[in-house]
């Protein structure tokens, strides 16, 4: 069967709709993660953009979401004695949203390029 113009247009519209829904859901989760980041005092150590004084972006690139989730739950298990454990504080959904958000935080070298 050869698709006609109406079928092709319908498929394009459907794809755009699905992409929009996906982007909206991702944005909602990112905003929830930002709220979790701010409400749980992550800003105190990582700064508003995640770069100071403990730079998140450099460390996050090499970690999978699963490893990062376990780290947030129990940083001491990874040798980090400074960051508090969030296992009993945050739900899995909160941690998932937090991971989405922190992955959006800019890296220091990207910020420098933007300022130029």
N, C-alpha and C. Protein backbone atom coordinates (compact mmCIF):
# COMPACT_ATOMS: atom_id res chain seq x y z
N UNK A 1 0.84 -1.18 0.00
CA UNK A 1 0.00 0.00 0.00
C UNK A 1 0.89 1.25 0.00
N UNK A 2 0.60 2.14 -0.88
CA UNK A 2 1.35 3.39 -0.98
C UNK A 2 0.61 4.45 -0.18
N UNK A 3 1.32 5.08 0.78
CA UNK A 3 0.66 6.11 1.58
C UNK A 3 0.31 7.32 0.73
N UNK A 4 -0.87 7.87 0.98
CA UNK A 4 -1.26 9.08 0.27
C UNK A 4 -0.88 10.30 1.11
N UNK A 5 -1.14 11.48 0.58
CA UNK A 5 -0.78 12.71 1.29
C UNK A 5 -1.48 12.82 2.64
N UNK A 6 -2.73 12.42 2.72
CA UNK A 6 -3.47 12.52 3.98
C UNK A 6 -2.89 11.59 5.04
N UNK A 7 -2.51 10.39 4.63
CA UNK A 7 -1.90 9.44 5.57
C UNK A 7 -0.57 9.98 6.07
N UNK A 8 0.26 10.48 5.17
CA UNK A 8 1.56 11.03 5.56
C UNK A 8 1.40 12.22 6.49
N UNK A 9 0.45 13.09 6.18
CA UNK A 9 0.20 14.25 7.03
C UNK A 9 -0.29 13.81 8.41
N UNK A 10 -1.16 12.82 8.44
CA UNK A 10 -1.66 12.30 9.71
C UNK A 10 -0.55 11.71 10.56
N UNK A 11 0.37 10.99 9.92
CA UNK A 11 1.49 10.41 10.65
C UNK A 11 2.39 11.51 11.20
N UNK A 12 2.65 12.53 10.42
CA UNK A 12 3.47 13.65 10.89
C UNK A 12 2.82 14.37 12.07
N UNK A 13 1.53 14.59 11.99
CA UNK A 13 0.80 15.24 13.10
C UNK A 13 0.86 14.38 14.35
N UNK A 14 0.67 13.10 14.20
CA UNK A 14 0.72 12.18 15.34
C UNK A 14 2.12 12.17 15.96
N UNK A 15 3.14 12.15 15.13
CA UNK A 15 4.51 12.18 15.65
C UNK A 15 4.79 13.47 16.41
N UNK A 16 4.32 14.59 15.88
CA UNK A 16 4.51 15.88 16.56
C UNK A 16 3.78 15.90 17.90
N UNK A 17 2.58 15.36 17.93
CA UNK A 17 1.81 15.28 19.16
C UNK A 17 2.52 14.43 20.20
N UNK A 18 3.02 13.28 19.80
CA UNK A 18 3.74 12.41 20.73
C UNK A 18 5.01 13.07 21.24
N UNK A 19 5.72 13.76 20.37
CA UNK A 19 6.92 14.47 20.78
C UNK A 19 6.58 15.58 21.77
N UNK A 20 5.50 16.29 21.54
CA UNK A 20 5.09 17.36 22.44
C UNK A 20 4.74 16.81 23.82
N UNK A 21 4.01 15.71 23.86
CA UNK A 21 3.63 15.09 25.14
C UNK A 21 4.87 14.63 25.88
N UNK A 22 5.81 14.03 25.17
CA UNK A 22 7.05 13.55 25.78
C UNK A 22 7.85 14.72 26.35
N UNK A 23 7.98 15.80 25.57
CA UNK A 23 8.73 16.97 26.04
C UNK A 23 8.06 17.61 27.25
N UNK A 24 6.74 17.66 27.25
CA UNK A 24 6.02 18.23 28.38
C UNK A 24 6.25 17.40 29.64
N UNK A 25 6.19 16.08 29.51
CA UNK A 25 6.41 15.20 30.66
C UNK A 25 7.83 15.35 31.19
N UNK A 26 8.81 15.45 30.30
CA UNK A 26 10.20 15.63 30.70
C UNK A 26 10.37 16.96 31.42
N UNK A 27 9.72 18.01 30.90
CA UNK A 27 9.80 19.33 31.53
C UNK A 27 9.18 19.30 32.92
N UNK A 28 8.04 18.65 33.06
CA UNK A 28 7.38 18.55 34.36
C UNK A 28 8.27 17.82 35.37
N UNK A 29 8.91 16.75 34.93
CA UNK A 29 9.78 16.01 35.84
C UNK A 29 11.00 16.85 36.21
N UNK A 30 11.53 17.60 35.25
CA UNK A 30 12.67 18.47 35.52
C UNK A 30 12.30 19.55 36.53
N UNK A 31 11.12 20.13 36.39
CA UNK A 31 10.68 21.16 37.34
C UNK A 31 10.47 20.57 38.74
N UNK A 32 9.95 19.37 38.81
CA UNK A 32 9.80 18.68 40.10
C UNK A 32 11.17 18.44 40.72
N UNK A 33 12.14 18.04 39.90
CA UNK A 33 13.50 17.82 40.37
C UNK A 33 14.14 19.10 40.89
N UNK A 34 13.88 20.21 40.22
CA UNK A 34 14.40 21.50 40.68
C UNK A 34 13.83 21.83 42.06
N UNK A 35 12.55 21.56 42.23
CA UNK A 35 11.89 21.80 43.53
C UNK A 35 12.54 20.93 44.62
N UNK A 36 12.77 19.67 44.32
CA UNK A 36 13.42 18.76 45.27
C UNK A 36 14.83 19.27 45.60
N UNK A 37 15.57 19.69 44.58
CA UNK A 37 16.93 20.22 44.75
C UNK A 37 16.94 21.41 45.70
N UNK A 38 16.00 22.31 45.52
CA UNK A 38 15.95 23.52 46.34
C UNK A 38 15.41 23.24 47.75
N UNK A 39 14.39 22.41 47.87
CA UNK A 39 13.77 22.16 49.16
C UNK A 39 14.64 21.32 50.10
N UNK A 40 15.56 20.56 49.54
CA UNK A 40 16.39 19.68 50.37
C UNK A 40 17.79 20.21 50.57
N UNK A 41 17.95 21.51 50.37
CA UNK A 41 19.20 22.22 50.64
C UNK A 41 20.39 21.73 49.81
N UNK A 42 20.13 21.14 48.65
CA UNK A 42 21.23 20.74 47.76
C UNK A 42 22.01 21.99 47.33
N UNK A 43 21.29 23.10 47.24
CA UNK A 43 21.88 24.38 46.84
C UNK A 43 23.01 24.79 47.79
N UNK A 44 22.90 24.44 49.06
CA UNK A 44 23.90 24.86 50.05
C UNK A 44 25.30 24.35 49.69
N UNK A 45 25.40 23.16 49.16
CA UNK A 45 26.71 22.60 48.80
C UNK A 45 27.01 22.67 47.31
N UNK A 46 25.98 22.58 46.49
CA UNK A 46 26.20 22.48 45.05
C UNK A 46 25.91 23.77 44.29
N UNK A 47 25.38 24.79 44.98
CA UNK A 47 25.05 26.04 44.31
C UNK A 47 23.81 25.91 43.44
N UNK A 48 23.26 27.03 43.04
CA UNK A 48 22.03 27.01 42.23
C UNK A 48 22.22 26.31 40.89
N UNK A 49 23.41 26.42 40.33
CA UNK A 49 23.65 25.82 39.02
C UNK A 49 24.45 24.52 39.09
N UNK A 50 24.69 24.04 40.30
CA UNK A 50 25.37 22.76 40.47
C UNK A 50 26.88 22.81 40.27
N UNK A 51 27.47 24.01 40.23
CA UNK A 51 28.89 24.09 39.92
C UNK A 51 29.77 24.47 41.11
N UNK A 52 29.18 24.96 42.19
CA UNK A 52 30.04 25.40 43.30
C UNK A 52 29.44 25.01 44.63
N UNK A 53 30.23 24.73 45.64
CA UNK A 53 31.65 24.42 45.55
C UNK A 53 31.92 22.99 45.10
N UNK A 54 30.93 22.12 45.19
CA UNK A 54 31.09 20.73 44.76
C UNK A 54 30.42 20.56 43.41
N UNK A 55 31.22 20.55 42.36
CA UNK A 55 30.74 20.55 40.99
C UNK A 55 30.04 19.24 40.63
N UNK A 56 28.75 19.29 40.43
CA UNK A 56 27.97 18.11 40.08
C UNK A 56 28.22 17.63 38.66
N UNK A 57 28.27 18.55 37.72
CA UNK A 57 28.29 18.17 36.31
C UNK A 57 29.51 17.33 35.94
N UNK A 58 30.65 17.61 36.52
CA UNK A 58 31.85 16.85 36.21
C UNK A 58 31.69 15.41 36.67
N UNK A 59 31.13 15.21 37.82
CA UNK A 59 30.99 13.87 38.39
C UNK A 59 29.82 13.09 37.77
N UNK A 60 28.81 13.75 37.31
CA UNK A 60 27.61 13.07 36.84
C UNK A 60 27.76 12.42 35.47
N UNK A 61 28.59 12.97 34.63
CA UNK A 61 28.70 12.48 33.26
C UNK A 61 29.04 10.99 33.18
N UNK A 62 29.81 10.51 34.12
CA UNK A 62 30.25 9.11 34.06
C UNK A 62 29.32 8.15 34.81
N UNK A 63 28.28 8.66 35.45
CA UNK A 63 27.39 7.80 36.24
C UNK A 63 26.07 7.54 35.53
N UNK A 64 25.64 6.29 35.57
CA UNK A 64 24.31 5.96 35.04
C UNK A 64 23.25 6.47 36.02
N UNK A 65 22.03 6.56 35.56
CA UNK A 65 20.94 6.98 36.44
C UNK A 65 20.79 6.03 37.63
N UNK A 66 20.98 4.75 37.40
CA UNK A 66 20.83 3.76 38.47
C UNK A 66 21.89 3.95 39.56
N UNK A 67 23.14 4.16 39.14
CA UNK A 67 24.22 4.38 40.10
C UNK A 67 24.00 5.70 40.85
N UNK A 68 23.61 6.73 40.11
CA UNK A 68 23.37 8.02 40.74
C UNK A 68 22.24 7.93 41.76
N UNK A 69 21.21 7.17 41.44
CA UNK A 69 20.09 6.98 42.37
C UNK A 69 20.57 6.32 43.67
N UNK A 70 21.38 5.31 43.55
CA UNK A 70 21.91 4.63 44.74
C UNK A 70 22.84 5.56 45.52
N UNK A 71 23.61 6.39 44.81
CA UNK A 71 24.48 7.35 45.47
C UNK A 71 23.68 8.35 46.29
N UNK A 72 22.60 8.87 45.71
CA UNK A 72 21.76 9.85 46.42
C UNK A 72 21.14 9.20 47.66
N UNK A 73 20.74 7.96 47.54
CA UNK A 73 20.13 7.26 48.67
C UNK A 73 21.14 7.03 49.79
N UNK A 74 22.39 6.68 49.43
CA UNK A 74 23.39 6.34 50.45
C UNK A 74 24.80 6.70 49.98
N UNK A 75 25.15 7.99 50.04
CA UNK A 75 26.47 8.41 49.57
C UNK A 75 27.63 7.77 50.33
N UNK A 76 27.42 7.44 51.59
CA UNK A 76 28.49 6.83 52.39
C UNK A 76 28.92 5.49 51.80
N UNK A 77 28.01 4.78 51.16
CA UNK A 77 28.35 3.51 50.54
C UNK A 77 29.34 3.69 49.39
N UNK A 78 29.44 4.92 48.89
CA UNK A 78 30.37 5.25 47.81
C UNK A 78 31.59 6.02 48.34
N UNK A 79 31.72 6.08 49.66
CA UNK A 79 32.86 6.75 50.27
C UNK A 79 32.66 8.23 50.54
N UNK A 80 31.46 8.75 50.29
CA UNK A 80 31.19 10.17 50.53
C UNK A 80 30.58 10.31 51.92
N UNK A 81 31.33 10.92 52.81
CA UNK A 81 30.87 11.09 54.19
C UNK A 81 30.31 12.50 54.45
N UNK A 82 30.37 13.37 53.44
CA UNK A 82 29.88 14.73 53.63
C UNK A 82 28.41 14.89 53.26
N UNK A 83 27.98 14.24 52.20
CA UNK A 83 26.59 14.39 51.74
C UNK A 83 25.67 13.50 52.58
N UNK A 84 24.54 14.06 53.01
CA UNK A 84 23.60 13.23 53.78
C UNK A 84 22.92 12.18 52.90
N UNK A 85 22.51 11.10 53.52
CA UNK A 85 21.74 10.07 52.81
C UNK A 85 20.30 10.52 52.68
N UNK A 86 19.71 10.27 51.52
CA UNK A 86 18.33 10.68 51.28
C UNK A 86 17.38 9.48 51.15
N UNK A 87 17.86 8.29 51.51
CA UNK A 87 17.05 7.08 51.39
C UNK A 87 15.71 7.20 52.11
N UNK A 88 15.74 7.75 53.31
CA UNK A 88 14.50 7.84 54.10
C UNK A 88 13.83 9.21 53.97
N UNK A 89 14.41 10.09 53.17
CA UNK A 89 13.87 11.44 53.03
C UNK A 89 13.11 11.61 51.72
N UNK A 90 13.67 11.08 50.64
CA UNK A 90 13.08 11.25 49.31
C UNK A 90 12.50 9.94 48.80
N UNK A 91 11.39 10.05 48.09
CA UNK A 91 10.80 8.88 47.43
C UNK A 91 11.61 8.57 46.17
N UNK A 92 11.40 7.38 45.61
CA UNK A 92 12.07 7.03 44.36
C UNK A 92 11.68 8.01 43.25
N UNK A 93 10.42 8.42 43.23
CA UNK A 93 9.95 9.38 42.22
C UNK A 93 10.66 10.73 42.38
N UNK A 94 10.85 11.16 43.62
CA UNK A 94 11.58 12.41 43.88
C UNK A 94 13.03 12.31 43.40
N UNK A 95 13.66 11.18 43.68
CA UNK A 95 15.05 10.99 43.26
C UNK A 95 15.15 10.94 41.74
N UNK A 96 14.21 10.27 41.09
CA UNK A 96 14.20 10.21 39.63
C UNK A 96 14.09 11.62 39.04
N UNK A 97 13.20 12.43 39.61
CA UNK A 97 13.02 13.81 39.13
C UNK A 97 14.28 14.63 39.41
N UNK A 98 14.89 14.42 40.56
CA UNK A 98 16.12 15.12 40.91
C UNK A 98 17.23 14.80 39.91
N UNK A 99 17.34 13.55 39.52
CA UNK A 99 18.35 13.14 38.55
C UNK A 99 18.11 13.83 37.21
N UNK A 100 16.86 13.88 36.77
CA UNK A 100 16.54 14.58 35.52
C UNK A 100 16.99 16.04 35.63
N UNK A 101 16.72 16.67 36.76
CA UNK A 101 17.07 18.08 36.93
C UNK A 101 18.59 18.28 36.96
N UNK A 102 19.31 17.52 37.78
CA UNK A 102 20.74 17.77 37.91
C UNK A 102 21.48 17.50 36.60
N UNK A 103 20.95 16.65 35.77
CA UNK A 103 21.57 16.41 34.47
C UNK A 103 21.41 17.61 33.54
N UNK A 104 20.50 18.53 33.86
CA UNK A 104 20.33 19.73 33.03
C UNK A 104 21.24 20.86 33.47
N UNK A 105 21.85 20.74 34.63
CA UNK A 105 22.69 21.81 35.13
C UNK A 105 23.91 21.97 34.23
N UNK A 106 24.24 23.19 33.94
CA UNK A 106 25.32 23.46 32.99
C UNK A 106 26.68 23.21 33.59
N UNK A 107 27.60 22.88 32.73
CA UNK A 107 28.98 22.68 33.13
C UNK A 107 29.69 24.03 33.11
N UNK A 108 30.72 24.19 33.94
CA UNK A 108 31.42 25.47 34.00
C UNK A 108 31.94 25.95 32.66
N UNK A 109 32.52 25.06 31.83
CA UNK A 109 33.06 25.50 30.55
C UNK A 109 31.97 25.93 29.59
N UNK A 110 30.77 25.37 29.70
CA UNK A 110 29.65 25.79 28.87
C UNK A 110 29.20 27.18 29.27
N UNK A 111 29.22 27.49 30.56
CA UNK A 111 28.81 28.81 31.02
C UNK A 111 29.78 29.87 30.50
N UNK A 112 31.07 29.56 30.50
CA UNK A 112 32.06 30.51 30.01
C UNK A 112 31.81 30.82 28.53
N UNK A 113 31.52 29.76 27.74
CA UNK A 113 31.27 29.96 26.32
C UNK A 113 30.04 30.83 26.09
N UNK A 114 29.01 30.66 26.91
CA UNK A 114 27.79 31.43 26.75
C UNK A 114 28.00 32.91 27.03
N UNK A 115 28.90 33.23 27.95
CA UNK A 115 29.14 34.62 28.35
C UNK A 115 29.88 35.40 27.27
N UNK A 116 30.59 34.71 26.41
CA UNK A 116 31.41 35.38 25.38
C UNK A 116 30.55 35.97 24.29
